[in-house]
Structure formats: structure tokens, C-alpha cells
């Protein structure tokens, strides 16, 4: 009975998520298109190439390697709304796993920034406010990673509208901040304008998700007591889900290089002016894919994995009788 009622709820929420994501991508692409048209006239191709290729590659490397594996693994986790007597236990296990992107993000951000700064050409690194801009992009990535536990919670609760609202607000704030700094300051501050806009985006994401989860902001890791047949174990992570997270994080490394391989090559082999032209062409050429196909892919992935949630829950928890322990 509960399962049959859950099916329509999941389907309607997933379809609503798909349509909302399409509208979000349409909004963000239109705003980005208008911004790019203005920026082409306000900044040099060198600045545009540095920000749109190299800085964006740095940002995506930090975010993708830190959170993609955790996101994909937790799509297979049970929803908080679905559990009954073990609801608190299940929610705590998911919360513990959802904190991993923050922990992974610190060494990933530091290592990525150090490698990028050390490998940048003299032409790139000699631009005004270059190192400060890199630091702001790293800070922006960390803001987004801090919001990741709240993002995962809202997704598991099928509150897909929270993401749409948060990303829509963040895109608009990023656009406004970048444009205002560019038109009010000299071109010497162009790199910093993009960096401040990205920092505003990350901060807006963090604040938006914090507001959405304001009723339950306790994300401290807590151990769970697992009562087996002859013994009781105190676990911080559910072993099967943790192993799946590690495996998918490893896969995300390969996927990232395949997805961003063109930017890696362009940033290493092409001059900055050519990188700027490539960034403009790539943004225009990917409009249809980002607006239509990316939301469909995300929605199908969520729906497909959630529909098999019951089988996974059985495999994860059938051998244990779980009781909650408040010990840290």
C-alpha cells in the first residue's frame, strides 16, 4: 500500500524536477548568453580565456572530484520519508556520508590550486590580481561544498524546487556582481570581477540551502549502533554505501578527464586569446545540450535509481537490526 502510493509521488516529483531543471537551464543559459555578449565588449580575449577556460576548469575539478561520487552513491540511498522505525538511523547514515564532499574538498582544493598556480604560464600569471582571483574561485568552490549536505538532504526528500530556486538566485547574483564590478572598475580588475561573481554564486547557494534546511541544520557526524545476531557494532558509515561511494568517486576521476578533456588541452596548448574565442564558441554550441538533454539525463538517472530503492535498502540493511546511538 505504502509502496504503491509512493510510486505516483516519486513519479510526479521526478517529472516536476525535470521540467523545473529545463526551465532553470533555459534561464541560466539566457542570462549567460546576455552576459557573454556584454563581456565580449568589456574584457579582452585573454581575460575571457583565463576565466572561462582555466578558472572554470579549476572550479569544476574541485567540485566534481569532491562531490560527484557521493551524489551518485546517495541516489541509491533510502529516502528519509520512506523509513519508519529506522528513519532516524537511516537519515543519520546518509548525513554522515553527505559530509564527505566537505572533507574531500579541502585537500582537493588545495592540491588543485597549487598545481594550477605552479603550472600556469608567465603570460597567465602576470595578469593583475591573478592569485587573488584563484583564491576566490577556491573559496567559491568551498562555499558550494559546504552546501552539499543540505543539497543531498533536499534531494532525498524530493524537494527538487529548492535546488531550482537556489541555482536561479545564484546565477542572477553572479551575473549582477560580475557586471557591476566590470562597468565600475578599470579593465585591470576584470579577473577579480569574475572571481567575485563566482564567490557570490557559491555564497548564494550556501545561504539558499541553509534557509531551506533551517529547521534541521544539525549535520554533525554521529555513530549508529548496529545490532547484529551476536554483537553490536558502532558504525559511522554504512559499509556497502561507503564502498559504493569510494568506487563512484574513483569513476568520477575518469569521467572528469573525459568530460573536460578539451579544456585541459586548450588551456595547455593554446594562447589565451584563442582560449577566449573557444570559450565563446563552446558556450553557444552547447546551448541545446545544456537546456534540454542535461536535465533529461539528470531526471532519468534519479528516477531510474530511485525506482530500485527498495531492493537496495534490503541488500544494505536486511542483515542488521538498527538502533540509534547518540554518541559522537
Protein backbone atom coordinates (compact mmCIF):
# COMPACT_ATOMS: atom_id res chain seq x y z
CA UNK A 1 0.00 0.00 0.00
CA UNK A 2 2.77 2.40 1.02
CA UNK A 3 4.84 1.36 -1.95
CA UNK A 4 2.03 1.94 -4.44
CA UNK A 5 1.30 5.38 -3.03
CA UNK A 6 4.98 6.16 -3.06
CA UNK A 7 5.25 5.38 -6.77
CA UNK A 8 2.99 8.19 -8.07
CA UNK A 9 4.57 10.60 -5.59
CA UNK A 10 8.05 9.77 -6.84
CA UNK A 11 6.96 9.94 -10.48
CA UNK A 12 5.22 13.29 -10.13
CA UNK A 13 8.12 14.75 -8.17
CA UNK A 14 10.61 13.49 -10.73
CA UNK A 15 8.63 14.87 -13.68
CA UNK A 16 8.30 18.20 -11.89
CA UNK A 17 12.05 18.11 -11.27
CA UNK A 18 12.71 17.54 -14.97
CA UNK A 19 10.55 20.44 -16.11
CA UNK A 20 11.99 22.72 -13.44
CA UNK A 21 15.54 21.82 -14.45
CA UNK A 22 14.77 22.59 -18.09
CA UNK A 23 13.40 26.00 -17.07
CA UNK A 24 16.42 26.58 -14.83
CA UNK A 25 18.85 25.73 -17.62
CA UNK A 26 16.91 27.94 -20.03
CA UNK A 27 17.03 30.83 -17.57
CA UNK A 28 20.72 30.39 -16.75
CA UNK A 29 21.70 29.97 -20.43
CA UNK A 30 19.77 33.11 -21.46
CA UNK A 31 21.36 35.10 -18.65
CA UNK A 32 24.79 33.72 -19.51
CA UNK A 33 24.26 34.50 -23.19
CA UNK A 34 23.35 38.12 -22.44
CA UNK A 35 26.29 38.43 -20.05
CA UNK A 36 28.71 36.98 -22.59
CA UNK A 37 27.52 39.41 -25.24
CA UNK A 38 28.26 42.28 -22.86
CA UNK A 39 31.56 40.84 -21.64
CA UNK A 40 32.94 40.35 -25.13
CA UNK A 41 32.85 44.13 -25.42
CA UNK A 42 34.09 44.85 -21.90
CA UNK A 43 37.03 42.48 -21.43
CA UNK A 44 39.91 41.26 -23.54
CA UNK A 45 40.02 37.75 -25.05
CA UNK A 46 42.90 36.96 -22.68
CA UNK A 47 40.77 37.66 -19.62
CA UNK A 48 37.82 35.77 -21.07
CA UNK A 49 40.04 32.77 -21.85
CA UNK A 50 41.54 32.75 -18.35
CA UNK A 51 38.19 32.87 -16.58
CA UNK A 52 36.01 30.78 -18.90
CA UNK A 53 38.56 28.04 -19.55
CA UNK A 54 41.20 27.92 -16.84
CA UNK A 55 39.32 29.20 -13.79
CA UNK A 56 36.19 27.24 -14.72
CA UNK A 57 38.33 24.12 -15.16
CA UNK A 58 39.85 24.66 -11.72
CA UNK A 59 36.38 25.10 -10.21
CA UNK A 60 34.87 22.06 -11.91
CA UNK A 61 37.85 19.90 -10.92
CA UNK A 62 37.41 20.72 -7.25
CA UNK A 63 33.63 20.27 -7.26
CA UNK A 64 33.41 17.22 -9.50
CA UNK A 65 36.11 15.17 -7.77
CA UNK A 66 34.81 16.08 -4.31
CA UNK A 67 31.09 15.51 -4.66
CA UNK A 68 30.10 13.63 -7.83
CA UNK A 69 30.80 10.15 -6.44
CA UNK A 70 28.92 10.90 -3.21
CA UNK A 71 25.93 12.29 -5.11
CA UNK A 72 25.66 9.25 -7.35
CA UNK A 73 26.04 6.81 -4.47
CA UNK A 74 23.40 8.54 -2.34
CA UNK A 75 20.89 8.45 -5.18
CA UNK A 76 20.67 4.77 -4.25
CA UNK A 77 20.14 5.52 -0.56
CA UNK A 78 16.69 5.30 1.05
CA UNK A 79 14.66 8.45 1.42
CA UNK A 80 14.06 9.85 4.89
CA UNK A 81 10.35 9.94 4.15
CA UNK A 82 10.31 6.24 3.37
CA UNK A 83 11.77 4.82 6.55
CA UNK A 84 9.62 4.06 9.55
CA UNK A 85 11.16 2.78 12.80
CA UNK A 86 14.65 3.21 11.39
CA UNK A 87 14.03 6.69 9.97
CA UNK A 88 16.43 8.41 12.37
CA UNK A 89 19.14 5.82 11.81
CA UNK A 90 18.84 5.92 8.04
CA UNK A 91 18.87 9.70 8.00
CA UNK A 92 21.99 9.81 10.16
CA UNK A 93 23.83 7.34 7.92
CA UNK A 94 23.03 9.47 4.88
CA UNK A 95 24.10 12.64 6.73
CA UNK A 96 27.44 11.08 7.64
CA UNK A 97 28.13 10.16 4.02
CA UNK A 98 26.95 13.56 2.78
CA UNK A 99 29.69 15.26 4.81
CA UNK A 100 32.40 13.56 2.75
CA UNK A 101 32.43 16.20 -0.04
CA UNK A 102 33.41 18.84 2.52
CA UNK A 103 36.25 16.68 3.81
CA UNK A 104 37.37 15.67 0.33
CA UNK A 105 37.08 19.23 -0.91
CA UNK A 106 39.77 20.66 1.37
CA UNK A 107 42.73 18.59 0.08
CA UNK A 108 41.31 18.58 -3.46
CA UNK A 109 41.03 22.38 -3.50
CA UNK A 110 44.49 22.94 -2.06
CA UNK A 111 46.15 20.44 -4.38
CA UNK A 112 44.31 21.70 -7.47
CA UNK A 113 45.15 25.33 -6.71
CA UNK A 114 48.82 24.56 -6.04
CA UNK A 115 49.14 22.53 -9.26
CA UNK A 116 47.38 25.21 -11.29
CA UNK A 117 49.44 28.08 -9.88
CA UNK A 118 52.65 26.13 -10.38
CA UNK A 119 51.86 25.15 -13.96
CA UNK A 120 50.43 28.46 -15.19
CA UNK A 121 52.38 30.25 -17.88
CA UNK A 122 54.00 33.58 -17.19
CA UNK A 123 51.52 35.24 -19.55
CA UNK A 124 48.63 33.97 -17.46
CA UNK A 125 50.08 34.52 -14.00
CA UNK A 126 51.29 38.04 -14.80
CA UNK A 127 47.74 39.34 -15.18
CA UNK A 128 46.59 41.77 -12.45
CA UNK A 129 45.04 40.16 -9.35
CA UNK A 130 45.63 36.65 -10.73
CA UNK A 131 46.45 34.91 -7.44
CA UNK A 132 43.68 36.70 -5.57
CA UNK A 133 41.21 35.59 -8.23
CA UNK A 134 42.36 31.98 -7.94
CA UNK A 135 41.89 32.15 -4.17
CA UNK A 136 38.35 33.50 -4.62
CA UNK A 137 37.47 30.68 -7.03
CA UNK A 138 38.71 28.14 -4.48
CA UNK A 139 36.64 29.89 -1.80
CA UNK A 140 33.59 29.78 -4.08
CA UNK A 141 34.06 26.04 -4.55
CA UNK A 142 34.26 25.57 -0.79
CA UNK A 143 31.02 27.52 -0.31
CA UNK A 144 29.29 25.11 -2.69
CA UNK A 145 30.77 22.09 -0.94
CA UNK A 146 29.52 23.38 2.41
CA UNK A 147 26.01 23.37 0.96
CA UNK A 148 26.35 19.79 -0.28
CA UNK A 149 24.91 18.03 2.82
CA UNK A 150 21.85 20.26 2.58
CA UNK A 151 21.59 19.66 -1.17
CA UNK A 152 21.62 15.89 -0.61
CA UNK A 153 19.01 16.13 2.13
CA UNK A 154 16.59 18.14 -0.02
CA UNK A 155 17.10 15.77 -2.96
CA UNK A 156 16.39 12.72 -0.80
CA UNK A 157 13.26 14.44 0.49
CA UNK A 158 12.16 15.05 -3.13
CA UNK A 159 12.29 18.82 -2.60
CA UNK A 160 13.69 19.47 -6.04
CA UNK A 161 12.33 23.01 -6.14
CA UNK A 162 14.91 24.04 -3.53
CA UNK A 163 17.76 23.41 -5.97
CA UNK A 164 15.98 25.29 -8.76
CA UNK A 165 15.37 28.30 -6.54
CA UNK A 166 18.92 28.26 -5.14
CA UNK A 167 20.65 27.97 -8.52
CA UNK A 168 18.38 30.56 -10.14
CA UNK A 169 19.16 33.06 -7.37
CA UNK A 170 22.86 32.28 -7.52
CA UNK A 171 23.08 32.70 -11.31
CA UNK A 172 21.35 36.06 -11.16
CA UNK A 173 23.55 37.29 -8.30
CA UNK A 174 26.71 36.12 -10.08
CA UNK A 175 25.70 37.97 -13.22
CA UNK A 176 24.88 41.20 -11.40
CA UNK A 177 28.08 41.21 -9.31
CA UNK A 178 30.34 40.45 -12.29
CA UNK A 179 28.72 43.08 -14.49
CA UNK A 180 28.70 45.80 -11.83
CA UNK A 181 32.37 45.34 -10.99
CA UNK A 182 33.32 45.35 -14.67
CA UNK A 183 31.47 48.55 -15.53
CA UNK A 184 32.52 50.39 -12.36
CA UNK A 185 36.22 49.48 -12.36
CA UNK A 186 39.01 49.55 -14.92
CA UNK A 187 39.97 46.52 -17.03
CA UNK A 188 42.76 45.83 -14.56
CA UNK A 189 40.08 44.42 -12.23
CA UNK A 190 38.48 42.16 -14.83
CA UNK A 191 39.79 38.86 -13.42
CA UNK A 192 38.71 39.90 -9.95
CA UNK A 193 35.22 40.76 -11.23
CA UNK A 194 34.71 37.21 -12.47
CA UNK A 195 36.11 35.81 -9.23
CA UNK A 196 33.84 37.96 -7.08
CA UNK A 197 30.86 36.90 -9.19
CA UNK A 198 31.71 33.23 -8.67
CA UNK A 199 32.19 33.76 -4.94
CA UNK A 200 28.77 35.43 -4.84
CA UNK A 201 27.32 32.39 -6.64
CA UNK A 202 28.77 29.96 -4.10
CA UNK A 203 27.65 32.05 -1.16
CA UNK A 204 24.13 32.37 -2.58
CA UNK A 205 23.94 28.59 -2.94
CA UNK A 206 25.04 28.09 0.66
CA UNK A 207 22.60 30.65 2.06
CA UNK A 208 19.68 29.38 -0.05
CA UNK A 209 20.12 25.77 1.08
CA UNK A 210 20.67 26.86 4.68
CA UNK A 211 17.35 28.71 4.60
CA UNK A 212 15.61 25.68 3.08
CA UNK A 213 17.01 23.42 5.82
CA UNK A 214 16.73 25.97 8.63
CA UNK A 215 14.50 23.66 10.64
CA UNK A 216 17.17 20.94 10.86
CA UNK A 217 20.70 22.26 10.49
CA UNK A 218 22.34 19.64 12.68
CA UNK A 219 24.80 17.96 10.32
CA UNK A 220 27.24 16.68 12.92
CA UNK A 221 28.55 13.16 12.25
CA UNK A 222 27.16 10.66 14.76
CA UNK A 223 27.74 6.97 15.20
CA UNK A 224 24.96 4.43 14.76
CA UNK A 225 24.69 1.24 16.80
CA UNK A 226 24.10 -1.78 14.60
CA UNK A 227 22.74 -4.82 16.45
CA UNK A 228 23.72 -7.98 14.59
CA UNK A 229 22.87 -11.53 15.62
CA UNK A 230 25.56 -11.93 18.27
CA UNK A 231 27.15 -8.50 18.64
CA UNK A 232 26.57 -4.76 18.41
CA UNK A 233 28.70 -2.58 16.17
CA UNK A 234 29.12 1.17 16.27
CA UNK A 235 29.37 2.50 12.73
CA UNK A 236 29.99 5.92 11.28
CA UNK A 237 29.29 4.85 7.69
CA UNK A 238 27.17 2.02 6.32
CA UNK A 239 29.84 -0.28 4.79
CA UNK A 240 28.10 -1.07 1.50
CA UNK A 241 27.13 2.54 0.84
CA UNK A 242 30.61 3.75 1.78
CA UNK A 243 32.24 1.24 -0.59
CA UNK A 244 29.90 2.37 -3.35
CA UNK A 245 30.85 5.99 -2.66
CA UNK A 246 34.55 5.20 -2.96
CA UNK A 247 34.02 3.28 -6.20
CA UNK A 248 31.98 6.07 -7.77
CA UNK A 249 34.46 8.72 -6.65
CA UNK A 250 37.15 6.79 -8.50
CA UNK A 251 34.93 6.60 -11.57
CA UNK A 252 34.29 10.34 -11.38
CA UNK A 253 38.02 10.97 -11.82
CA UNK A 254 37.96 9.20 -15.19
CA UNK A 255 34.66 10.82 -16.16
CA UNK A 256 36.01 14.27 -15.34
CA UNK A 257 39.01 13.90 -17.63
CA UNK A 258 36.77 12.61 -20.41
CA UNK A 259 34.25 15.42 -19.95
CA UNK A 260 36.73 18.27 -19.57
CA UNK A 261 39.48 16.89 -21.79
CA UNK A 262 39.03 19.64 -24.36
CA UNK A 263 39.57 22.34 -21.74
CA UNK A 264 42.69 20.59 -20.43
CA UNK A 265 44.17 20.53 -23.93
CA UNK A 266 43.11 24.04 -24.88
CA UNK A 267 44.43 25.52 -21.63
CA UNK A 268 47.82 23.84 -22.15
CA UNK A 269 48.31 24.20 -25.89
CA UNK A 270 46.54 27.40 -26.99
CA UNK A 271 47.34 31.06 -26.32
CA UNK A 272 44.99 32.97 -24.04
CA UNK A 273 43.31 34.89 -26.85
CA UNK A 274 42.42 31.66 -28.64
CA UNK A 275 41.09 30.23 -25.37
CA UNK A 276 38.73 33.19 -25.13
CA UNK A 277 37.40 32.59 -28.63
CA UNK A 278 36.99 28.88 -27.91
CA UNK A 279 35.05 29.65 -24.70
CA UNK A 280 32.57 31.87 -26.57
CA UNK A 281 32.05 29.27 -29.31
CA UNK A 282 31.68 26.41 -26.79
CA UNK A 283 29.08 28.34 -24.78
CA UNK A 284 26.96 28.97 -27.85
CA UNK A 285 27.41 25.49 -29.27
CA UNK A 286 26.31 23.73 -26.07
CA UNK A 287 23.05 25.65 -25.57
CA UNK A 288 20.70 22.87 -26.73
CA UNK A 289 22.59 20.14 -24.90
CA UNK A 290 22.58 22.07 -21.63
CA UNK A 291 19.00 23.32 -21.83
CA UNK A 292 17.28 20.10 -22.97
CA UNK A 293 19.44 16.99 -22.74
CA UNK A 294 21.27 17.61 -19.45
CA UNK A 295 18.02 17.99 -17.39
CA UNK A 296 16.55 14.91 -19.09
CA UNK A 297 19.67 12.91 -18.25
CA UNK A 298 19.65 14.01 -14.60
CA UNK A 299 15.93 13.31 -14.21
CA UNK A 300 16.15 9.89 -15.82
CA UNK A 301 19.09 8.96 -13.62
CA UNK A 302 17.25 9.98 -10.45
CA UNK A 303 14.04 8.23 -11.44
CA UNK A 304 15.80 5.02 -12.51
CA UNK A 305 17.89 4.74 -9.40
CA UNK A 306 15.10 5.72 -7.02
CA UNK A 307 12.75 3.16 -8.53
CA UNK A 308 15.14 0.44 -7.38
CA UNK A 309 15.49 1.93 -3.93
CA UNK A 310 13.61 -0.82 -2.13
CA UNK A 311 15.86 -3.57 -3.49
CA UNK A 312 18.97 -1.68 -2.44
CA UNK A 313 17.62 -0.96 1.03
CA UNK A 314 17.01 -4.66 1.51
CA UNK A 315 20.57 -5.50 0.50
CA UNK A 316 22.01 -2.79 2.74
CA UNK A 317 20.01 -3.32 5.89
CA UNK A 318 18.47 -6.80 5.82
CA UNK A 319 21.29 -8.35 7.83
CA UNK A 320 21.13 -5.77 10.62
CA UNK A 321 18.66 -4.57 13.17
CA UNK A 322 19.48 -0.88 13.56
CA UNK A 323 19.06 1.23 16.67
CA UNK A 324 20.18 4.80 17.05
CA UNK A 325 23.04 5.80 19.34
CA UNK A 326 23.51 9.45 20.18
CA UNK A 327 27.18 9.02 20.95
CA UNK A 328 29.52 11.05 18.70
